[in-house]
Amino acid sequence: MQHDLQSLSLPELAEKLEDLDHRRTPVGWTPEDAAVRASIERTIVEMVSAEGAGPSIPCEYDIRFRNKETTVDATVRQIRPGGVVIAVEGTWVKGTHVEMQIRQDASDEHGLRARGIIASVDKGIVIVSVAEQPSEPHERRLHRFLLELVRHRIHN
């Protein structure tokens, strides 16, 4: 199963995840569907975390974007192999460690956060590599962050 998923593109994986969401019952997924869902999610995170090329998942999601000196509003434009494409104002430098944050509502103080490193910069667009995560909790936060972006794309 995992090998079959590796041959799919990110958009195809997002479609498979959407199909599974439609099969969810009021009490959750069947054990088989839950296993497939976990495999798809893991494959998406692995593909975005690894260097590579291929089709991207379009996404329009407003986030907070910050480094140690600045916090600004930004918009995720794409999820792609090798990182997350973000539209952001200001001057950003390749190699800078950054944090991306989704606040789902006003009462959500910390939101979903993930860390990355700016891999490239081009006229208001940065590509953030999420390949290097310093610890297991950072990996889990990245996993939740990326899957929220994919789900947002699916439901909008």
N, C-alpha and C. Protein backbone atom coordinates (compact mmCIF):
# COMPACT_ATOMS: atom_id res chain seq x y z
N MET A 1 0.83 -1.21 0.00
CA MET A 1 0.00 0.00 0.00
C MET A 1 0.87 1.26 0.00
N GLN A 2 1.85 1.30 0.92
CA GLN A 2 2.71 2.48 1.01
C GLN A 2 3.44 2.72 -0.31
N HIS A 3 3.90 1.64 -0.95
CA HIS A 3 4.59 1.77 -2.22
C HIS A 3 3.66 2.36 -3.29
N ASP A 4 2.40 1.92 -3.31
CA ASP A 4 1.44 2.47 -4.26
C ASP A 4 1.24 3.96 -4.04
N LEU A 5 1.19 4.38 -2.78
CA LEU A 5 0.99 5.79 -2.47
C LEU A 5 2.17 6.64 -2.90
N GLN A 6 3.38 6.10 -2.81
CA GLN A 6 4.58 6.84 -3.20
C GLN A 6 4.56 7.22 -4.68
N SER A 7 3.84 6.46 -5.49
CA SER A 7 3.80 6.73 -6.93
C SER A 7 2.78 7.82 -7.28
N LEU A 8 1.96 8.23 -6.32
CA LEU A 8 0.95 9.26 -6.56
C LEU A 8 1.53 10.65 -6.34
N SER A 9 0.93 11.65 -6.99
CA SER A 9 1.33 13.05 -6.78
C SER A 9 0.61 13.60 -5.55
N LEU A 10 1.06 14.75 -5.07
CA LEU A 10 0.39 15.38 -3.93
C LEU A 10 -1.09 15.64 -4.20
N PRO A 11 -1.47 16.20 -5.38
CA PRO A 11 -2.90 16.39 -5.62
C PRO A 11 -3.70 15.09 -5.61
N GLU A 12 -3.10 14.01 -6.13
CA GLU A 12 -3.79 12.72 -6.12
C GLU A 12 -3.95 12.21 -4.70
N LEU A 13 -2.94 12.41 -3.87
CA LEU A 13 -3.05 12.00 -2.46
C LEU A 13 -4.12 12.81 -1.74
N ALA A 14 -4.20 14.11 -2.04
CA ALA A 14 -5.23 14.95 -1.43
C ALA A 14 -6.62 14.48 -1.84
N GLU A 15 -6.76 14.07 -3.10
CA GLU A 15 -8.05 13.53 -3.58
C GLU A 15 -8.42 12.24 -2.85
N LYS A 16 -7.44 11.36 -2.65
CA LYS A 16 -7.70 10.11 -1.92
C LYS A 16 -8.13 10.42 -0.48
N LEU A 17 -7.49 11.41 0.13
CA LEU A 17 -7.85 11.80 1.50
C LEU A 17 -9.27 12.35 1.53
N GLU A 18 -9.63 13.13 0.52
CA GLU A 18 -10.99 13.67 0.43
C GLU A 18 -12.01 12.54 0.27
N ASP A 19 -11.70 11.57 -0.57
CA ASP A 19 -12.60 10.41 -0.75
C ASP A 19 -12.82 9.69 0.57
N LEU A 20 -11.75 9.53 1.34
CA LEU A 20 -11.88 8.86 2.64
C LEU A 20 -12.73 9.68 3.61
N ASP A 21 -12.58 11.00 3.57
CA ASP A 21 -13.40 11.86 4.45
C ASP A 21 -14.88 11.66 4.19
N HIS A 22 -15.24 11.42 2.93
CA HIS A 22 -16.65 11.20 2.59
C HIS A 22 -17.17 9.85 3.08
N ARG A 23 -16.27 8.93 3.36
CA ARG A 23 -16.67 7.60 3.82
C ARG A 23 -16.72 7.49 5.34
N ARG A 24 -16.36 8.56 6.03
CA ARG A 24 -16.36 8.53 7.49
C ARG A 24 -17.79 8.41 8.01
N THR A 25 -17.96 7.54 8.97
CA THR A 25 -19.27 7.35 9.59
C THR A 25 -19.35 8.22 10.84
N PRO A 26 -20.54 8.35 11.47
CA PRO A 26 -20.64 9.15 12.70
C PRO A 26 -19.73 8.65 13.84
N VAL A 27 -19.36 7.38 13.80
CA VAL A 27 -18.47 6.86 14.85
C VAL A 27 -17.02 6.78 14.40
N GLY A 28 -16.71 7.28 13.22
CA GLY A 28 -15.32 7.31 12.75
C GLY A 28 -15.11 6.48 11.50
N TRP A 29 -13.86 6.16 11.25
CA TRP A 29 -13.50 5.37 10.08
C TRP A 29 -13.48 3.90 10.45
N THR A 30 -13.63 3.05 9.44
CA THR A 30 -13.43 1.63 9.66
C THR A 30 -11.93 1.44 9.93
N PRO A 31 -11.53 0.35 10.56
CA PRO A 31 -10.10 0.14 10.80
C PRO A 31 -9.27 0.16 9.51
N GLU A 32 -9.82 -0.39 8.45
CA GLU A 32 -9.11 -0.38 7.18
C GLU A 32 -8.94 1.04 6.64
N ASP A 33 -10.04 1.82 6.68
CA ASP A 33 -9.97 3.20 6.21
C ASP A 33 -9.03 4.04 7.09
N ALA A 34 -9.03 3.80 8.39
CA ALA A 34 -8.14 4.53 9.29
C ALA A 34 -6.68 4.25 8.96
N ALA A 35 -6.37 3.00 8.64
CA ALA A 35 -4.99 2.64 8.28
C ALA A 35 -4.59 3.30 6.96
N VAL A 36 -5.49 3.30 5.99
CA VAL A 36 -5.21 3.93 4.70
C VAL A 36 -5.04 5.44 4.89
N ARG A 37 -5.91 6.04 5.68
CA ARG A 37 -5.84 7.48 5.94
C ARG A 37 -4.50 7.84 6.56
N ALA A 38 -4.06 7.08 7.56
CA ALA A 38 -2.78 7.35 8.21
C ALA A 38 -1.63 7.22 7.21
N SER A 39 -1.70 6.24 6.33
CA SER A 39 -0.66 6.06 5.31
C SER A 39 -0.63 7.23 4.33
N ILE A 40 -1.80 7.68 3.91
CA ILE A 40 -1.87 8.83 2.99
C ILE A 40 -1.31 10.07 3.66
N GLU A 41 -1.72 10.32 4.90
CA GLU A 41 -1.24 11.50 5.62
C GLU A 41 0.28 11.45 5.78
N ARG A 42 0.81 10.30 6.15
CA ARG A 42 2.26 10.15 6.32
C ARG A 42 2.98 10.40 5.00
N THR A 43 2.44 9.90 3.90
CA THR A 43 3.05 10.08 2.59
C THR A 43 3.05 11.55 2.18
N ILE A 44 1.95 12.26 2.45
CA ILE A 44 1.89 13.70 2.15
C ILE A 44 2.98 14.44 2.91
N VAL A 45 3.11 14.18 4.20
CA VAL A 45 4.12 14.86 5.01
C VAL A 45 5.52 14.52 4.50
N GLU A 46 5.76 13.26 4.17
CA GLU A 46 7.08 12.86 3.66
C GLU A 46 7.40 13.58 2.35
N MET A 47 6.41 13.68 1.45
CA MET A 47 6.66 14.33 0.16
C MET A 47 6.94 15.82 0.32
N VAL A 48 6.20 16.49 1.19
CA VAL A 48 6.41 17.92 1.38
C VAL A 48 7.74 18.16 2.10
N SER A 49 8.14 17.24 2.94
CA SER A 49 9.38 17.39 3.70
C SER A 49 10.62 17.07 2.87
N ALA A 50 10.46 16.32 1.79
CA ALA A 50 11.61 15.91 0.99
C ALA A 50 11.82 16.85 -0.19
N GLU A 51 13.07 16.96 -0.63
CA GLU A 51 13.36 17.72 -1.84
C GLU A 51 12.78 16.97 -3.02
N GLY A 52 12.30 17.69 -3.99
CA GLY A 52 11.77 17.01 -5.16
C GLY A 52 10.97 17.95 -6.03
N ALA A 53 10.41 17.37 -7.06
CA ALA A 53 9.59 18.12 -7.99
C ALA A 53 8.29 17.37 -8.18
N GLY A 54 7.33 18.05 -8.72
CA GLY A 54 6.04 17.42 -8.98
C GLY A 54 4.93 18.42 -8.80
N PRO A 55 3.71 17.98 -9.11
CA PRO A 55 2.56 18.87 -8.99
C PRO A 55 2.35 19.33 -7.54
N SER A 56 1.84 20.54 -7.40
CA SER A 56 1.57 21.09 -6.07
C SER A 56 0.07 21.07 -5.79
N ILE A 57 -0.26 21.31 -4.54
CA ILE A 57 -1.65 21.45 -4.12
C ILE A 57 -1.90 22.94 -3.93
N PRO A 58 -2.77 23.53 -4.75
CA PRO A 58 -3.09 24.95 -4.54
C PRO A 58 -3.78 25.13 -3.19
N CYS A 59 -3.49 26.23 -2.55
CA CYS A 59 -4.05 26.46 -1.21
C CYS A 59 -4.09 27.96 -0.98
N GLU A 60 -5.14 28.46 -0.41
CA GLU A 60 -5.24 29.86 0.00
C GLU A 60 -5.58 29.85 1.49
N TYR A 61 -4.57 30.03 2.31
CA TYR A 61 -4.80 29.95 3.75
C TYR A 61 -3.99 31.05 4.43
N ASP A 62 -4.69 31.95 5.13
CA ASP A 62 -4.00 33.04 5.84
C ASP A 62 -3.35 32.50 7.10
N ILE A 63 -2.09 32.90 7.30
CA ILE A 63 -1.32 32.45 8.45
C ILE A 63 -0.57 33.64 9.06
N ARG A 64 0.03 33.42 10.21
CA ARG A 64 1.00 34.34 10.79
C ARG A 64 2.36 33.76 10.45
N PHE A 65 3.29 34.61 10.07
CA PHE A 65 4.61 34.17 9.64
C PHE A 65 5.63 34.98 10.42
N ARG A 66 6.60 34.30 11.05
CA ARG A 66 7.53 35.08 11.86
C ARG A 66 8.92 34.48 11.90
N ASN A 67 9.87 35.37 12.13
CA ASN A 67 11.21 34.98 12.50
C ASN A 67 11.46 35.60 13.87
N LYS A 68 12.70 35.62 14.34
CA LYS A 68 12.89 36.12 15.70
C LYS A 68 12.69 37.63 15.84
N GLU A 69 12.68 38.38 14.73
CA GLU A 69 12.50 39.82 14.81
C GLU A 69 11.13 40.32 14.36
N THR A 70 10.46 39.60 13.48
CA THR A 70 9.27 40.11 12.82
C THR A 70 8.14 39.09 12.81
N THR A 71 6.91 39.58 12.99
CA THR A 71 5.72 38.76 12.81
C THR A 71 4.81 39.49 11.84
N VAL A 72 4.38 38.80 10.77
CA VAL A 72 3.53 39.43 9.75
C VAL A 72 2.43 38.47 9.33
N ASP A 73 1.40 39.02 8.69
CA ASP A 73 0.37 38.20 8.07
C ASP A 73 0.90 37.72 6.72
N ALA A 74 0.55 36.50 6.37
CA ALA A 74 0.99 35.92 5.10
C ALA A 74 -0.09 34.97 4.62
N THR A 75 0.08 34.44 3.41
CA THR A 75 -0.88 33.50 2.84
C THR A 75 -0.14 32.32 2.21
N VAL A 76 -0.52 31.12 2.64
CA VAL A 76 0.01 29.92 1.99
C VAL A 76 -0.65 29.84 0.62
N ARG A 77 0.16 29.69 -0.42
CA ARG A 77 -0.35 29.61 -1.80
C ARG A 77 -0.34 28.19 -2.34
N GLN A 78 0.67 27.41 -1.94
CA GLN A 78 0.80 26.04 -2.45
C GLN A 78 1.50 25.16 -1.42
N ILE A 79 1.14 23.89 -1.49
CA ILE A 79 1.87 22.86 -0.76
C ILE A 79 2.51 22.02 -1.86
N ARG A 80 3.82 21.82 -1.79
CA ARG A 80 4.48 21.13 -2.90
C ARG A 80 5.63 20.28 -2.39
N PRO A 81 6.09 19.35 -3.22
CA PRO A 81 7.28 18.59 -2.80
C PRO A 81 8.41 19.57 -2.54
N GLY A 82 9.02 19.46 -1.40
CA GLY A 82 10.12 20.36 -1.05
C GLY A 82 9.73 21.52 -0.16
N GLY A 83 8.44 21.74 0.09
CA GLY A 83 8.09 22.82 1.01
C GLY A 83 6.74 23.45 0.77
N VAL A 84 6.57 24.59 1.42
CA VAL A 84 5.32 25.33 1.39
C VAL A 84 5.60 26.69 0.75
N VAL A 85 4.78 27.08 -0.24
CA VAL A 85 4.94 28.36 -0.93
C VAL A 85 4.05 29.38 -0.24
N ILE A 86 4.67 30.48 0.20
CA ILE A 86 3.96 31.48 1.00
C ILE A 86 4.14 32.86 0.39
N ALA A 87 3.03 33.59 0.24
CA ALA A 87 3.08 34.99 -0.18
C ALA A 87 3.21 35.83 1.09
N VAL A 88 4.27 36.63 1.15
CA VAL A 88 4.52 37.42 2.36
C VAL A 88 5.24 38.71 1.99
N GLU A 89 4.83 39.79 2.64
CA GLU A 89 5.47 41.08 2.41
C GLU A 89 6.75 41.19 3.23
N GLY A 90 7.61 42.08 2.82
CA GLY A 90 8.82 42.33 3.58
C GLY A 90 10.04 41.70 2.95
N THR A 91 11.15 41.89 3.63
CA THR A 91 12.42 41.35 3.16
C THR A 91 12.75 40.11 3.96
N TRP A 92 12.91 39.01 3.27
CA TRP A 92 13.22 37.73 3.90
C TRP A 92 14.49 37.18 3.29
N VAL A 93 15.26 36.48 4.09
CA VAL A 93 16.55 35.99 3.67
C VAL A 93 16.58 34.46 3.64
N LYS A 94 17.10 33.93 2.55
CA LYS A 94 17.25 32.48 2.42
C LYS A 94 18.07 31.96 3.61
N GLY A 95 17.62 30.85 4.18
CA GLY A 95 18.32 30.26 5.32
C GLY A 95 17.78 30.68 6.68
N THR A 96 16.85 31.63 6.70
CA THR A 96 16.26 32.11 7.95
C THR A 96 15.29 31.07 8.51
N HIS A 97 15.40 30.81 9.81
CA HIS A 97 14.45 29.92 10.49
C HIS A 97 13.18 30.71 10.74
N VAL A 98 12.03 30.13 10.41
CA VAL A 98 10.75 30.81 10.55
C VAL A 98 9.73 29.89 11.21
N GLU A 99 8.66 30.52 11.69
CA GLU A 99 7.53 29.77 12.23
C GLU A 99 6.28 30.21 11.48
N MET A 100 5.45 29.23 11.13
CA MET A 100 4.18 29.48 10.46
C MET A 100 3.08 29.09 11.45
N GLN A 101 2.04 29.92 11.55
CA GLN A 101 0.99 29.66 12.53
C GLN A 101 -0.39 29.86 11.92
N ILE A 102 -1.26 28.88 12.18
CA ILE A 102 -2.67 28.98 11.79
C ILE A 102 -3.46 29.21 13.07
N ARG A 103 -4.23 30.28 13.11
CA ARG A 103 -5.17 30.49 14.23
C ARG A 103 -6.55 30.24 13.69
N GLN A 104 -7.17 29.17 14.19
CA GLN A 104 -8.46 28.77 13.63
C GLN A 104 -9.61 29.65 14.08
N ASP A 105 -9.49 30.28 15.25
CA ASP A 105 -10.48 31.27 15.68
C ASP A 105 -9.83 32.16 16.74
N ALA A 106 -10.53 33.20 17.15
CA ALA A 106 -9.97 34.19 18.06
C ALA A 106 -9.60 33.60 19.42
N SER A 107 -10.29 32.54 19.84
CA SER A 107 -9.99 31.95 21.14
C SER A 107 -8.80 31.00 21.09
N ASP A 108 -8.31 30.71 19.90
CA ASP A 108 -7.20 29.79 19.71
C ASP A 108 -5.89 30.56 19.90
N GLU A 109 -5.39 30.60 21.13
CA GLU A 109 -4.26 31.46 21.48
C GLU A 109 -2.99 31.09 20.72
N HIS A 110 -2.66 29.81 20.66
CA HIS A 110 -1.40 29.40 20.05
C HIS A 110 -1.57 28.89 18.63
N GLY A 111 -2.71 28.32 18.30
CA GLY A 111 -2.95 27.81 16.96
C GLY A 111 -2.06 26.63 16.63
N LEU A 112 -2.11 26.24 15.36
CA LEU A 112 -1.22 25.20 14.85
C LEU A 112 0.05 25.88 14.36
N ARG A 113 1.18 25.40 14.84
CA ARG A 113 2.45 26.02 14.47
C ARG A 113 3.39 24.98 13.87
N ALA A 114 4.20 25.44 12.94
CA ALA A 114 5.23 24.58 12.37
C ALA A 114 6.44 25.45 12.06
N ARG A 115 7.60 24.83 12.14
CA ARG A 115 8.84 25.55 11.85
C ARG A 115 9.42 25.11 10.53
N GLY A 116 10.18 26.00 9.93
CA GLY A 116 10.85 25.67 8.69
C GLY A 116 11.99 26.64 8.45
N ILE A 117 12.64 26.45 7.33
CA ILE A 117 13.76 27.30 6.92
C ILE A 117 13.45 27.82 5.52
N ILE A 118 13.64 29.11 5.32
CA ILE A 118 13.38 29.69 4.01
C ILE A 118 14.39 29.11 3.02
N ALA A 119 13.86 28.42 1.99
CA ALA A 119 14.70 27.77 0.99
C ALA A 119 14.94 28.68 -0.21
N SER A 120 13.97 29.55 -0.51
CA SER A 120 14.17 30.51 -1.59
C SER A 120 13.24 31.70 -1.40
N VAL A 121 13.65 32.82 -2.02
CA VAL A 121 12.90 34.08 -1.91
C VAL A 121 12.80 34.67 -3.31
N ASP A 122 11.59 35.16 -3.68
CA ASP A 122 11.42 35.79 -4.98
C ASP A 122 10.22 36.73 -4.97
N LYS A 123 10.44 38.02 -4.88
CA LYS A 123 9.40 39.06 -5.01
C LYS A 123 8.11 38.74 -4.27
N GLY A 124 8.15 38.76 -2.98
CA GLY A 124 6.94 38.55 -2.18
C GLY A 124 6.53 37.10 -2.00
N ILE A 125 7.33 36.19 -2.49
CA ILE A 125 7.05 34.75 -2.35
C ILE A 125 8.26 34.09 -1.70
N VAL A 126 8.01 33.30 -0.66
CA VAL A 126 9.08 32.49 -0.08
C VAL A 126 8.66 31.03 -0.14
N ILE A 127 9.63 30.17 -0.28
CA ILE A 127 9.40 28.74 -0.19
C ILE A 127 10.07 28.29 1.10
N VAL A 128 9.26 27.70 1.97
CA VAL A 128 9.77 27.26 3.27
C VAL A 128 9.95 25.75 3.25
N SER A 129 11.18 25.33 3.49
CA SER A 129 11.49 23.91 3.60
C SER A 129 11.15 23.46 5.02
N VAL A 130 10.46 22.33 5.12
CA VAL A 130 10.09 21.79 6.44
C VAL A 130 10.82 20.47 6.70
N ALA A 131 11.91 20.25 5.97
CA ALA A 131 12.63 18.97 6.05
C ALA A 131 13.28 18.75 7.41
N GLU A 132 13.83 19.79 8.00
CA GLU A 132 14.57 19.63 9.26
C GLU A 132 13.69 20.06 10.43
N GLN A 133 13.28 19.10 11.22
CA GLN A 133 12.51 19.38 12.43
C GLN A 133 13.37 18.94 13.62
N PRO A 134 13.56 19.83 14.62
CA PRO A 134 14.52 19.55 15.68
C PRO A 134 14.11 18.47 16.68
N SER A 135 12.83 18.14 16.75
CA SER A 135 12.42 17.15 17.75
C SER A 135 11.12 16.46 17.33
N GLU A 136 10.78 15.43 18.06
CA GLU A 136 9.53 14.68 17.82
C GLU A 136 8.30 15.59 17.95
N PRO A 137 8.21 16.42 18.99
CA PRO A 137 7.04 17.33 19.06
C PRO A 137 6.94 18.28 17.86
N HIS A 138 8.09 18.75 17.36
CA HIS A 138 8.08 19.59 16.17
C HIS A 138 7.56 18.81 14.96
N GLU A 139 7.95 17.54 14.85
CA GLU A 139 7.45 16.69 13.76
C GLU A 139 5.93 16.56 13.83
N ARG A 140 5.40 16.33 15.03
CA ARG A 140 3.95 16.18 15.19
C ARG A 140 3.22 17.47 14.85
N ARG A 141 3.76 18.61 15.28
CA ARG A 141 3.14 19.90 14.95
C ARG A 141 3.15 20.13 13.45
N LEU A 142 4.26 19.79 12.79
CA LEU A 142 4.34 19.93 11.34
C LEU A 142 3.29 19.06 10.67
N HIS A 143 3.14 17.84 11.13
CA HIS A 143 2.16 16.91 10.59
C HIS A 143 0.76 17.53 10.66
N ARG A 144 0.38 18.02 11.84
CA ARG A 144 -0.96 18.63 12.01
C ARG A 144 -1.11 19.89 11.14
N PHE A 145 -0.06 20.70 11.08
CA PHE A 145 -0.09 21.93 10.29
C PHE A 145 -0.32 21.62 8.81
N LEU A 146 0.48 20.72 8.25
CA LEU A 146 0.34 20.39 6.82
C LEU A 146 -1.01 19.77 6.51
N LEU A 147 -1.49 18.91 7.38
CA LEU A 147 -2.79 18.27 7.13
C LEU A 147 -3.93 19.26 7.25
N GLU A 148 -3.80 20.26 8.11
CA GLU A 148 -4.82 21.31 8.17
C GLU A 148 -4.85 22.09 6.85
N LEU A 149 -3.67 22.37 6.28
CA LEU A 149 -3.62 23.06 4.98
C LEU A 149 -4.30 22.23 3.90
N VAL A 150 -4.03 20.93 3.88
CA VAL A 150 -4.64 20.05 2.87
C VAL A 150 -6.15 19.98 3.08
N ARG A 151 -6.59 19.84 4.32
CA ARG A 151 -8.04 19.77 4.57
C ARG A 151 -8.73 21.08 4.20
N HIS A 152 -8.09 22.19 4.49
CA HIS A 152 -8.64 23.50 4.13
C HIS A 152 -8.84 23.57 2.62
N ARG A 153 -7.87 23.10 1.87
CA ARG A 153 -7.96 23.09 0.41
C ARG A 153 -9.11 22.21 -0.04
N ILE A 154 -9.29 21.08 0.61
CA ILE A 154 -10.35 20.14 0.25
C ILE A 154 -11.73 20.73 0.51
N HIS A 155 -11.87 21.42 1.64
CA HIS A 155 -13.19 21.91 2.05
C HIS A 155 -13.52 23.29 1.53
N ASN A 156 -12.64 23.90 0.76
CA ASN A 156 -12.91 25.23 0.20
C ASN A 156 -12.84 25.24 -1.30
